[in-house]
Amino acid sequence: MDYLNSYADFLKKFYSPRGKKIIFDCSNGTVGPIFKKLGVKFLVNDRPDGNFPAHGPDPMKPEALQDISEAVKENKADLGVIFDADGDRVFFMDDLRRGVDPDIVAVLIGKNFKGPVILDVRSGYLPRELLKNVKDCRVGHFFIKKMMAKIKAGFAAESSGHYYFPLGGGAYFDSGILAALHLINSLPPKLSEFIYGLHHYFKTGELNFKIKDKTGIMKSIEKRFQKEAAKTSKIDGIKMEFKSPDWWFSVRPSNTEDLLRLNLEAKDEEIFEEKTKELRKFLK
């Protein structure tokens, strides 16, 4: 069977750029040949090469974004798209060459799907305010897909750039390529202007702390904040949410390393700085 052409034919049903100029950085990974089959014109680093001569295979590293940033500027593109090596993660750059928060990507894609939307515990206020019927899930594709099947979710997103879709027959899969095509189909006239019009909150991103007694530290953190918390969840480490002022944090243990991972968001900058500083002290 010709799997490459078969997969390209499947994807063509979703690809509708509508005159938008889109730049794809394939990171010398697996997605280049697929986009060539789709007839995409603006490809960067599209030749598969396991030595990754252009930049590393991880698009979350700032040094990996230089090529896509220059290509968006040179071509006056509406959107930049960059994949990791195997194409299951994808990140985006707007027309002003700014990274697009995965929470915003989740909003633009998720609004087109029926049924519950699943987000991992690191996702912030924005998609929970703008999407209906949002459910929290533990980080990781095994847990996401299992929950999607259980509640018949229409879409799921992780802060790490993974996006999940129903395939039919009770099957679910994550695909950076399909996520990119769905986002292209959902692009507003000017992505930068759409983003500017959204609420902007203050987020740490994921911060890692080297800690041996992960359980003990999480118990100490819970004890410190339990009287103030409006809601506490333990589906993945500990997540605590607060009202007046509005802020939340998540502390998750790594399964393979002596690390605790902190994510924190606040609606007020002063509260953000104060609580981030306090939790850093705990974790150091």
C-alpha atoms as a PDB file:
ATOM      1  CA  MET A   1       0.000   0.000   0.000  1.00  0.00           C
ATOM      2  CA  ASP A   2       1.211   3.524  -0.774  1.00  0.00           C
ATOM      3  CA  TYR A   3       0.857   4.978   2.690  1.00  0.00           C
ATOM      4  CA  LEU A   4       2.300   8.390   1.873  1.00  0.00           C
ATOM      5  CA  ASN A   5      -0.201   9.130  -0.891  1.00  0.00           C
ATOM      6  CA  SER A   6      -3.025   7.596   1.128  1.00  0.00           C
ATOM      7  CA  TYR A   7      -2.253   9.849   4.088  1.00  0.00           C
ATOM      8  CA  ALA A   8      -1.900  12.911   1.847  1.00  0.00           C
ATOM      9  CA  ASP A   9      -5.310  12.177   0.300  1.00  0.00           C
ATOM     10  CA  PHE A  10      -6.796  11.999   3.798  1.00  0.00           C
ATOM     11  CA  LEU A  11      -5.261  15.374   4.732  1.00  0.00           C
ATOM     12  CA  LYS A  12      -6.361  17.131   1.546  1.00  0.00           C
ATOM     13  CA  LYS A  13      -9.930  17.063   2.847  1.00  0.00           C
ATOM     14  CA  PHE A  14      -8.855  19.449   5.611  1.00  0.00           C
ATOM     15  CA  TYR A  15      -6.443  21.759   3.802  1.00  0.00           C
ATOM     16  CA  SER A  16      -8.041  25.025   2.690  1.00  0.00           C
ATOM     17  CA  PRO A  17      -5.613  27.994   2.935  1.00  0.00           C
ATOM     18  CA  ARG A  18      -8.120  30.400   1.295  1.00  0.00           C
ATOM     19  CA  GLY A  19      -5.427  32.663  -0.091  1.00  0.00           C
ATOM     20  CA  LYS A  20      -3.496  32.837   3.170  1.00  0.00           C
ATOM     21  CA  LYS A  21       0.299  32.737   2.924  1.00  0.00           C
ATOM     22  CA  ILE A  22       1.546  30.045   5.292  1.00  0.00           C
ATOM     23  CA  ILE A  23       5.211  29.153   5.951  1.00  0.00           C
ATOM     24  CA  PHE A  24       5.965  25.609   7.152  1.00  0.00           C
ATOM     25  CA  ASP A  25       9.280  24.765   8.840  1.00  0.00           C
ATOM     26  CA  CYS A  26       9.550  20.970   8.749  1.00  0.00           C
ATOM     27  CA  SER A  27      12.696  20.894  10.942  1.00  0.00           C
ATOM     28  CA  ASN A  28      14.333  18.338   8.605  1.00  0.00           C
ATOM     29  CA  GLY A  29      11.889  15.812  10.054  1.00  0.00           C
ATOM     30  CA  THR A  30       9.187  13.558   8.678  1.00  0.00           C
ATOM     31  CA  VAL A  31       6.529  16.056   7.598  1.00  0.00           C
ATOM     32  CA  GLY A  32       8.311  17.562   4.578  1.00  0.00           C
ATOM     33  CA  PRO A  33       7.392  14.820   2.061  1.00  0.00           C
ATOM     34  CA  ILE A  34       3.777  14.958   3.213  1.00  0.00           C
ATOM     35  CA  PHE A  35       3.439  18.701   2.630  1.00  0.00           C
ATOM     36  CA  LYS A  36       5.020  18.309  -0.801  1.00  0.00           C
ATOM     37  CA  LYS A  37       2.237  15.842  -1.611  1.00  0.00           C
ATOM     38  CA  LEU A  38      -0.259  18.506  -0.508  1.00  0.00           C
ATOM     39  CA  GLY A  39       1.259  20.969  -2.972  1.00  0.00           C
ATOM     40  CA  VAL A  40       2.371  23.414  -0.312  1.00  0.00           C
ATOM     41  CA  LYS A  41       4.637  26.120  -1.768  1.00  0.00           C
ATOM     42  CA  PHE A  42       6.309  27.728   1.228  1.00  0.00           C
ATOM     43  CA  LEU A  43       8.410  25.014   2.868  1.00  0.00           C
ATOM     44  CA  VAL A  44      11.533  25.486   4.982  1.00  0.00           C
ATOM     45  CA  ASN A  45      13.934  22.663   5.952  1.00  0.00           C
ATOM     46  CA  ASP A  46      11.685  20.155   4.220  1.00  0.00           C
ATOM     47  CA  ARG A  47      14.305  17.479   3.433  1.00  0.00           C
ATOM     48  CA  PRO A  48      14.350  14.719   6.080  1.00  0.00           C
ATOM     49  CA  ASP A  49      17.796  14.497   7.668  1.00  0.00           C
ATOM     50  CA  GLY A  50      18.411  12.888  11.049  1.00  0.00           C
ATOM     51  CA  ASN A  51      21.425  15.122  11.596  1.00  0.00           C
ATOM     52  CA  PHE A  52      19.068  18.144  11.643  1.00  0.00           C
ATOM     53  CA  PRO A  53      21.452  20.493   9.804  1.00  0.00           C
ATOM     54  CA  ALA A  54      19.229  23.611   9.961  1.00  0.00           C
ATOM     55  CA  HIS A  55      18.425  23.613  13.674  1.00  0.00           C
ATOM     56  CA  GLY A  56      17.608  21.106  16.379  1.00  0.00           C
ATOM     57  CA  PRO A  57      14.431  19.007  16.229  1.00  0.00           C
ATOM     58  CA  ASP A  58      12.786  20.683  19.235  1.00  0.00           C
ATOM     59  CA  PRO A  59      10.722  23.759  18.225  1.00  0.00           C
ATOM     60  CA  MET A  60      10.315  24.793  21.865  1.00  0.00           C
ATOM     61  CA  LYS A  61      13.930  25.978  21.909  1.00  0.00           C
ATOM     62  CA  PRO A  62      14.318  29.645  20.867  1.00  0.00           C
ATOM     63  CA  GLU A  63      17.275  28.933  18.562  1.00  0.00           C
ATOM     64  CA  ALA A  64      15.043  26.681  16.426  1.00  0.00           C
ATOM     65  CA  LEU A  65      12.784  29.615  15.493  1.00  0.00           C
ATOM     66  CA  GLN A  66      15.228  31.765  13.529  1.00  0.00           C
ATOM     67  CA  ASP A  67      14.500  30.217  10.105  1.00  0.00           C
ATOM     68  CA  ILE A  68      10.730  30.386  10.425  1.00  0.00           C
ATOM     69  CA  SER A  69      10.907  33.956  11.774  1.00  0.00           C
ATOM     70  CA  GLU A  70      13.016  35.131   8.839  1.00  0.00           C
ATOM     71  CA  ALA A  71      10.763  33.321   6.344  1.00  0.00           C
ATOM     72  CA  VAL A  72       7.598  34.915   7.781  1.00  0.00           C
ATOM     73  CA  LYS A  73       9.211  38.355   7.540  1.00  0.00           C
ATOM     74  CA  GLU A  74      10.622  37.859   4.026  1.00  0.00           C
ATOM     75  CA  ASN A  75       7.361  36.516   2.600  1.00  0.00           C
ATOM     76  CA  LYS A  76       5.029  38.758   4.638  1.00  0.00           C
ATOM     77  CA  ALA A  77       3.254  35.586   5.693  1.00  0.00           C
ATOM     78  CA  ASP A  78      -0.009  35.327   7.618  1.00  0.00           C
ATOM     79  CA  LEU A  79       1.242  32.436   9.728  1.00  0.00           C
ATOM     80  CA  GLY A  80       4.391  30.477  10.498  1.00  0.00           C
ATOM     81  CA  VAL A  81       4.165  26.786  11.408  1.00  0.00           C
ATOM     82  CA  ILE A  82       7.013  24.720  12.861  1.00  0.00           C
ATOM     83  CA  PHE A  83       7.025  20.993  13.692  1.00  0.00           C
ATOM     84  CA  ASP A  84       9.180  18.755  15.801  1.00  0.00           C
ATOM     85  CA  ALA A  85      11.093  15.884  14.185  1.00  0.00           C
ATOM     86  CA  ASP A  86       8.249  13.349  13.987  1.00  0.00           C
ATOM     87  CA  GLY A  87       5.448  15.832  13.425  1.00  0.00           C
ATOM     88  CA  ASP A  88       3.310  15.111  16.470  1.00  0.00           C
ATOM     89  CA  ARG A  89       4.015  18.517  18.035  1.00  0.00           C
ATOM     90  CA  VAL A  90       3.437  21.842  16.324  1.00  0.00           C
ATOM     91  CA  PHE A  91       3.938  25.496  17.248  1.00  0.00           C
ATOM     92  CA  PHE A  92       2.835  28.675  15.519  1.00  0.00           C
ATOM     93  CA  MET A  93       4.071  32.208  14.817  1.00  0.00           C
ATOM     94  CA  ASP A  94       1.727  35.077  13.960  1.00  0.00           C
ATOM     95  CA  ASP A  95       2.128  37.676  11.197  1.00  0.00           C
ATOM     96  CA  LEU A  96       4.232  39.830  13.545  1.00  0.00           C
ATOM     97  CA  ARG A  97       6.593  36.887  14.174  1.00  0.00           C
ATOM     98  CA  ARG A  98       5.436  36.329  17.732  1.00  0.00           C
ATOM     99  CA  GLY A  99       4.879  32.871  19.158  1.00  0.00           C
ATOM    100  CA  VAL A 100       1.220  31.897  19.528  1.00  0.00           C
ATOM    101  CA  ASP A 101       0.350  30.529  22.975  1.00  0.00           C
ATOM    102  CA  PRO A 102      -0.958  26.918  22.708  1.00  0.00           C
ATOM    103  CA  ASP A 103      -3.951  28.092  24.781  1.00  0.00           C
ATOM    104  CA  ILE A 104      -4.912  30.415  21.904  1.00  0.00           C
ATOM    105  CA  VAL A 105      -4.401  27.608  19.394  1.00  0.00           C
ATOM    106  CA  ALA A 106      -6.713  25.429  21.506  1.00  0.00           C
ATOM    107  CA  VAL A 107      -9.402  28.140  21.352  1.00  0.00           C
ATOM    108  CA  LEU A 108      -9.197  28.595  17.571  1.00  0.00           C
ATOM    109  CA  ILE A 109      -9.297  24.859  16.839  1.00  0.00           C
ATOM    110  CA  GLY A 110     -11.523  23.694  19.693  1.00  0.00           C
ATOM    111  CA  LYS A 111     -14.448  25.988  18.868  1.00  0.00           C
ATOM    112  CA  ASN A 112     -15.039  23.975  15.688  1.00  0.00           C
ATOM    113  CA  PHE A 113     -15.609  20.634  17.421  1.00  0.00           C
ATOM    114  CA  LYS A 114     -18.690  19.266  19.149  1.00  0.00           C
ATOM    115  CA  GLY A 115     -18.559  17.520  22.485  1.00  0.00           C
ATOM    116  CA  PRO A 116     -16.324  18.115  25.504  1.00  0.00           C
ATOM    117  CA  VAL A 117     -12.873  19.645  25.058  1.00  0.00           C
ATOM    118  CA  ILE A 118     -10.048  18.168  27.133  1.00  0.00           C
ATOM    119  CA  LEU A 119      -7.116  20.297  28.325  1.00  0.00           C
ATOM    120  CA  ASP A 120      -4.159  19.260  30.432  1.00  0.00           C
ATOM    121  CA  VAL A 121      -3.789  20.755  33.907  1.00  0.00           C
ATOM    122  CA  ARG A 122      -1.178  23.279  32.676  1.00  0.00           C
ATOM    123  CA  SER A 123      -3.619  25.074  30.368  1.00  0.00           C
ATOM    124  CA  GLY A 124      -4.726  28.502  31.507  1.00  0.00           C
ATOM    125  CA  TYR A 125      -7.757  30.726  31.936  1.00  0.00           C
ATOM    126  CA  LEU A 126      -8.256  31.700  28.294  1.00  0.00           C
ATOM    127  CA  PRO A 127      -9.469  28.405  26.760  1.00  0.00           C
ATOM    128  CA  ARG A 128     -11.595  27.751  29.828  1.00  0.00           C
ATOM    129  CA  GLU A 129     -13.302  31.112  29.351  1.00  0.00           C
ATOM    130  CA  LEU A 130     -13.829  30.846  25.588  1.00  0.00           C
ATOM    131  CA  LEU A 131     -14.568  27.135  25.083  1.00  0.00           C
ATOM    132  CA  LYS A 132     -17.592  25.218  26.335  1.00  0.00           C
ATOM    133  CA  ASN A 133     -17.568  22.049  28.421  1.00  0.00           C
ATOM    134  CA  VAL A 134     -13.837  21.949  29.211  1.00  0.00           C
ATOM    135  CA  LYS A 135     -12.432  19.035  31.219  1.00  0.00           C
ATOM    136  CA  ASP A 136      -9.060  18.796  32.964  1.00  0.00           C
ATOM    137  CA  CYS A 137      -6.828  15.794  32.349  1.00  0.00           C
ATOM    138  CA  ARG A 138      -3.473  14.478  33.461  1.00  0.00           C
ATOM    139  CA  VAL A 139      -0.556  15.313  31.141  1.00  0.00           C
ATOM    140  CA  GLY A 140       0.373  12.615  28.614  1.00  0.00           C
ATOM    141  CA  HIS A 141      -1.108  11.092  25.459  1.00  0.00           C
ATOM    142  CA  PHE A 142      -2.120   7.849  27.193  1.00  0.00           C
ATOM    143  CA  PHE A 143      -4.290   9.706  29.710  1.00  0.00           C
ATOM    144  CA  ILE A 144      -5.652  12.188  27.156  1.00  0.00           C
ATOM    145  CA  LYS A 145      -6.756   9.510  24.687  1.00  0.00           C
ATOM    146  CA  LYS A 146      -8.222   7.342  27.428  1.00  0.00           C
ATOM    147  CA  MET A 147     -10.314  10.241  28.711  1.00  0.00           C
ATOM    148  CA  MET A 148     -11.367  11.244  25.194  1.00  0.00           C
ATOM    149  CA  ALA A 149     -12.755   7.769  24.632  1.00  0.00           C
ATOM    150  CA  LYS A 150     -14.460   7.719  28.032  1.00  0.00           C
ATOM    151  CA  ILE A 151     -16.336  11.036  27.644  1.00  0.00           C
ATOM    152  CA  LYS A 152     -16.504  11.073  23.819  1.00  0.00           C
ATOM    153  CA  ALA A 153     -14.528  14.305  23.567  1.00  0.00           C
ATOM    154  CA  GLY A 154     -14.434  16.195  20.296  1.00  0.00           C
ATOM    155  CA  PHE A 155     -10.947  17.668  20.736  1.00  0.00           C
ATOM    156  CA  ALA A 156      -8.062  17.801  23.198  1.00  0.00           C
ATOM    157  CA  ALA A 157      -4.971  19.982  23.601  1.00  0.00           C
ATOM    158  CA  GLU A 158      -1.807  19.974  25.682  1.00  0.00           C
ATOM    159  CA  SER A 159       0.398  22.959  26.468  1.00  0.00           C
ATOM    160  CA  SER A 160       3.325  21.044  24.964  1.00  0.00           C
ATOM    161  CA  GLY A 161       1.965  21.473  21.423  1.00  0.00           C
ATOM    162  CA  HIS A 162       0.089  18.165  21.152  1.00  0.00           C
ATOM    163  CA  TYR A 163      -3.435  18.295  19.708  1.00  0.00           C
ATOM    164  CA  TYR A 164      -5.833  15.340  19.621  1.00  0.00           C
ATOM    165  CA  PHE A 165      -8.680  14.393  17.307  1.00  0.00           C
ATOM    166  CA  PRO A 166     -11.283  11.619  16.961  1.00  0.00           C
ATOM    167  CA  LEU A 167     -10.563   9.261  14.076  1.00  0.00           C
ATOM    168  CA  GLY A 168     -13.874   7.390  14.235  1.00  0.00           C
ATOM    169  CA  GLY A 169     -14.714   3.958  15.551  1.00  0.00           C
ATOM    170  CA  GLY A 170     -13.623   4.949  19.054  1.00  0.00           C
ATOM    171  CA  ALA A 171     -10.052   5.772  18.001  1.00  0.00           C
ATOM    172  CA  TYR A 172      -8.205   8.988  18.889  1.00  0.00           C
ATOM    173  CA  PHE A 173      -4.859  10.315  17.710  1.00  0.00           C
ATOM    174  CA  ASP A 174      -2.575  13.324  18.061  1.00  0.00           C
ATOM    175  CA  SER A 175      -1.266  15.012  14.935  1.00  0.00           C
ATOM    176  CA  GLY A 176       0.711  18.201  14.499  1.00  0.00           C
ATOM    177  CA  ILE A 177      -0.095  18.195  10.790  1.00  0.00           C
ATOM    178  CA  LEU A 178      -3.855  17.963  11.236  1.00  0.00           C
ATOM    179  CA  ALA A 179      -3.719  20.580  14.004  1.00  0.00           C
ATOM    180  CA  ALA A 180      -1.926  22.942  11.619  1.00  0.00           C
ATOM    181  CA  LEU A 181      -4.531  22.413   8.911  1.00  0.00           C
ATOM    182  CA  HIS A 182      -7.409  23.000  11.344  1.00  0.00           C
ATOM    183  CA  LEU A 183      -5.770  26.189  12.613  1.00  0.00           C
ATOM    184  CA  ILE A 184      -5.250  27.449   9.053  1.00  0.00           C
ATOM    185  CA  ASN A 185      -8.942  26.860   8.379  1.00  0.00           C
ATOM    186  CA  SER A 186      -9.801  28.851  11.529  1.00  0.00           C
ATOM    187  CA  LEU A 187      -7.453  31.802  10.955  1.00  0.00           C
ATOM    188  CA  PRO A 188      -8.996  35.222  11.548  1.00  0.00           C
ATOM    189  CA  PRO A 189      -8.242  37.917   8.932  1.00  0.00           C
ATOM    190  CA  LYS A 190      -5.238  39.089  10.981  1.00  0.00           C
ATOM    191  CA  LEU A 191      -4.019  36.696  13.663  1.00  0.00           C
ATOM    192  CA  SER A 192      -1.989  39.334  15.511  1.00  0.00           C
ATOM    193  CA  GLU A 193      -5.053  41.585  15.822  1.00  0.00           C
ATOM    194  CA  PHE A 194      -7.189  38.691  17.067  1.00  0.00           C
ATOM    195  CA  ILE A 195      -4.596  37.896  19.749  1.00  0.00           C
ATOM    196  CA  TYR A 196      -4.357  41.568  20.727  1.00  0.00           C
ATOM    197  CA  GLY A 197      -8.110  41.611  21.377  1.00  0.00           C
ATOM    198  CA  LEU A 198      -8.002  38.725  23.847  1.00  0.00           C
ATOM    199  CA  HIS A 199      -7.594  38.955  27.612  1.00  0.00           C
ATOM    200  CA  HIS A 200      -3.919  38.807  28.537  1.00  0.00           C
ATOM    201  CA  TYR A 201      -2.915  37.126  31.762  1.00  0.00           C
ATOM    202  CA  PHE A 202       0.467  36.433  33.353  1.00  0.00           C
ATOM    203  CA  LYS A 203       2.001  32.947  33.042  1.00  0.00           C
ATOM    204  CA  THR A 204       5.273  31.384  34.095  1.00  0.00           C
ATOM    205  CA  GLY A 205       5.332  28.632  31.488  1.00  0.00           C
ATOM    206  CA  GLU A 206       6.676  25.350  32.856  1.00  0.00           C
ATOM    207  CA  LEU A 207       9.543  25.774  35.331  1.00  0.00           C
ATOM    208  CA  ASN A 208      11.577  22.759  36.471  1.00  0.00           C
ATOM    209  CA  PHE A 209      13.127  22.359  39.925  1.00  0.00           C
ATOM    210  CA  LYS A 210      15.515  19.581  40.925  1.00  0.00           C
ATOM    211  CA  ILE A 211      14.090  18.014  44.103  1.00  0.00           C
ATOM    212  CA  LYS A 212      14.558  14.547  45.609  1.00  0.00           C
ATOM    213  CA  ASP A 213      11.704  14.569  48.132  1.00  0.00           C
ATOM    214  CA  LYS A 214       8.989  15.397  45.603  1.00  0.00           C
ATOM    215  CA  THR A 215       6.126  14.030  47.721  1.00  0.00           C
ATOM    216  CA  GLY A 216       7.243  15.882  50.842  1.00  0.00           C
ATOM    217  CA  ILE A 217       7.526  19.229  49.078  1.00  0.00           C
ATOM    218  CA  MET A 218       4.097  18.862  47.449  1.00  0.00           C
ATOM    219  CA  LYS A 219       2.564  18.112  50.860  1.00  0.00           C
ATOM    220  CA  SER A 220       4.227  21.231  52.291  1.00  0.00           C
ATOM    221  CA  ILE A 221       2.890  23.362  49.459  1.00  0.00           C
ATOM    222  CA  GLU A 222      -0.620  21.967  49.862  1.00  0.00           C
ATOM    223  CA  LYS A 223      -0.549  22.648  53.609  1.00  0.00           C
ATOM    224  CA  ARG A 224       0.592  26.241  53.016  1.00  0.00           C
ATOM    225  CA  PHE A 225      -2.196  27.099  50.575  1.00  0.00           C
ATOM    226  CA  GLN A 226      -5.095  24.783  51.488  1.00  0.00           C
ATOM    227  CA  LYS A 227      -7.015  27.360  53.561  1.00  0.00           C
ATOM    228  CA  GLU A 228      -6.947  29.920  50.733  1.00  0.00           C
ATOM    229  CA  ALA A 229      -7.672  27.611  47.801  1.00  0.00           C
ATOM    230  CA  ALA A 230     -11.115  27.670  46.220  1.00  0.00           C
ATOM    231  CA  LYS A 231     -10.440  24.375  44.456  1.00  0.00           C
ATOM    232  CA  THR A 232      -7.819  21.633  44.739  1.00  0.00           C
ATOM    233  CA  SER A 233      -7.204  18.858  42.216  1.00  0.00           C
ATOM    234  CA  LYS A 234      -4.819  15.908  42.489  1.00  0.00           C
ATOM    235  CA  ILE A 235      -5.332  14.273  39.103  1.00  0.00           C
ATOM    236  CA  ASP A 236      -1.734  15.205  38.201  1.00  0.00           C
ATOM    237  CA  GLY A 237       0.417  16.270  41.120  1.00  0.00           C
ATOM    238  CA  ILE A 238      -1.444  19.097  42.798  1.00  0.00           C
ATOM    239  CA  LYS A 239      -3.335  21.989  41.237  1.00  0.00           C
ATOM    240  CA  MET A 240      -4.842  24.738  43.374  1.00  0.00           C
ATOM    241  CA  GLU A 241      -7.120  27.556  42.189  1.00  0.00           C
ATOM    242  CA  PHE A 242      -7.836  30.818  44.021  1.00  0.00           C
ATOM    243  CA  LYS A 243     -10.436  33.590  43.867  1.00  0.00           C
ATOM    244  CA  SER A 244     -10.135  37.282  44.736  1.00  0.00           C
ATOM    245  CA  PRO A 245      -7.403  37.530  43.608  1.00  0.00           C
ATOM    246  CA  ASP A 246      -7.682  35.106  40.695  1.00  0.00           C
ATOM    247  CA  TRP A 247      -4.646  32.881  40.255  1.00  0.00           C
ATOM    248  CA  TRP A 248      -3.731  29.191  40.118  1.00  0.00           C
ATOM    249  CA  PHE A 249      -0.724  26.940  40.166  1.00  0.00           C
ATOM    250  CA  SER A 250       0.098  23.346  39.274  1.00  0.00           C
ATOM    251  CA  VAL A 251       3.044  21.363  40.663  1.00  0.00           C
ATOM    252  CA  ARG A 252       3.662  18.009  38.983  1.00  0.00           C
ATOM    253  CA  PRO A 253       6.359  15.418  39.677  1.00  0.00           C
ATOM    254  CA  SER A 254       8.443  14.030  36.828  1.00  0.00           C
ATOM    255  CA  ASN A 255       8.035  10.278  36.441  1.00  0.00           C
ATOM    256  CA  THR A 256      11.659   9.761  35.381  1.00  0.00           C
ATOM    257  CA  GLU A 257      13.715  12.479  37.112  1.00  0.00           C
ATOM    258  CA  ASP A 258      14.058  14.173  40.493  1.00  0.00           C
ATOM    259  CA  LEU A 259      12.096  17.161  39.221  1.00  0.00           C
ATOM    260  CA  LEU A 260       8.994  19.093  40.169  1.00  0.00           C
ATOM    261  CA  ARG A 261       7.371  21.129  37.394  1.00  0.00           C
ATOM    262  CA  LEU A 262       5.643  24.397  38.253  1.00  0.00           C
ATOM    263  CA  ASN A 263       3.046  26.235  36.167  1.00  0.00           C
ATOM    264  CA  LEU A 264       1.403  29.384  37.536  1.00  0.00           C
ATOM    265  CA  GLU A 265      -0.973  31.983  36.116  1.00  0.00           C
ATOM    266  CA  ALA A 266      -2.565  35.123  37.558  1.00  0.00           C
ATOM    267  CA  LYS A 267      -4.901  37.793  36.238  1.00  0.00           C
ATOM    268  CA  ASP A 268      -2.995  40.531  38.063  1.00  0.00           C
ATOM    269  CA  GLU A 269       0.720  41.158  37.493  1.00  0.00           C
ATOM    270  CA  GLU A 270       1.495  42.035  41.107  1.00  0.00           C
ATOM    271  CA  ILE A 271      -0.132  38.819  42.345  1.00  0.00           C
ATOM    272  CA  PHE A 272       1.720  36.900  39.641  1.00  0.00           C
ATOM    273  CA  GLU A 273       5.090  38.210  40.804  1.00  0.00           C
ATOM    274  CA  GLU A 274       4.289  37.689  44.484  1.00  0.00           C
ATOM    275  CA  LYS A 275       3.026  34.105  44.169  1.00  0.00           C
ATOM    276  CA  THR A 276       5.721  33.047  41.715  1.00  0.00           C
ATOM    277  CA  LYS A 277       8.381  34.295  44.133  1.00  0.00           C
ATOM    278  CA  GLU A 278       6.767  32.457  47.051  1.00  0.00           C
ATOM    279  CA  LEU A 279       6.460  29.142  45.234  1.00  0.00           C
ATOM    280  CA  ARG A 280      10.015  29.418  43.915  1.00  0.00           C
ATOM    281  CA  LYS A 281      11.204  29.617  47.526  1.00  0.00           C
ATOM    282  CA  PHE A 282       9.349  26.389  48.348  1.00  0.00           C
ATOM    283  CA  LEU A 283      10.768  24.607  45.331  1.00  0.00           C
ATOM    284  CA  LYS A 284      14.338  25.770  45.839  1.00  0.00           C
END
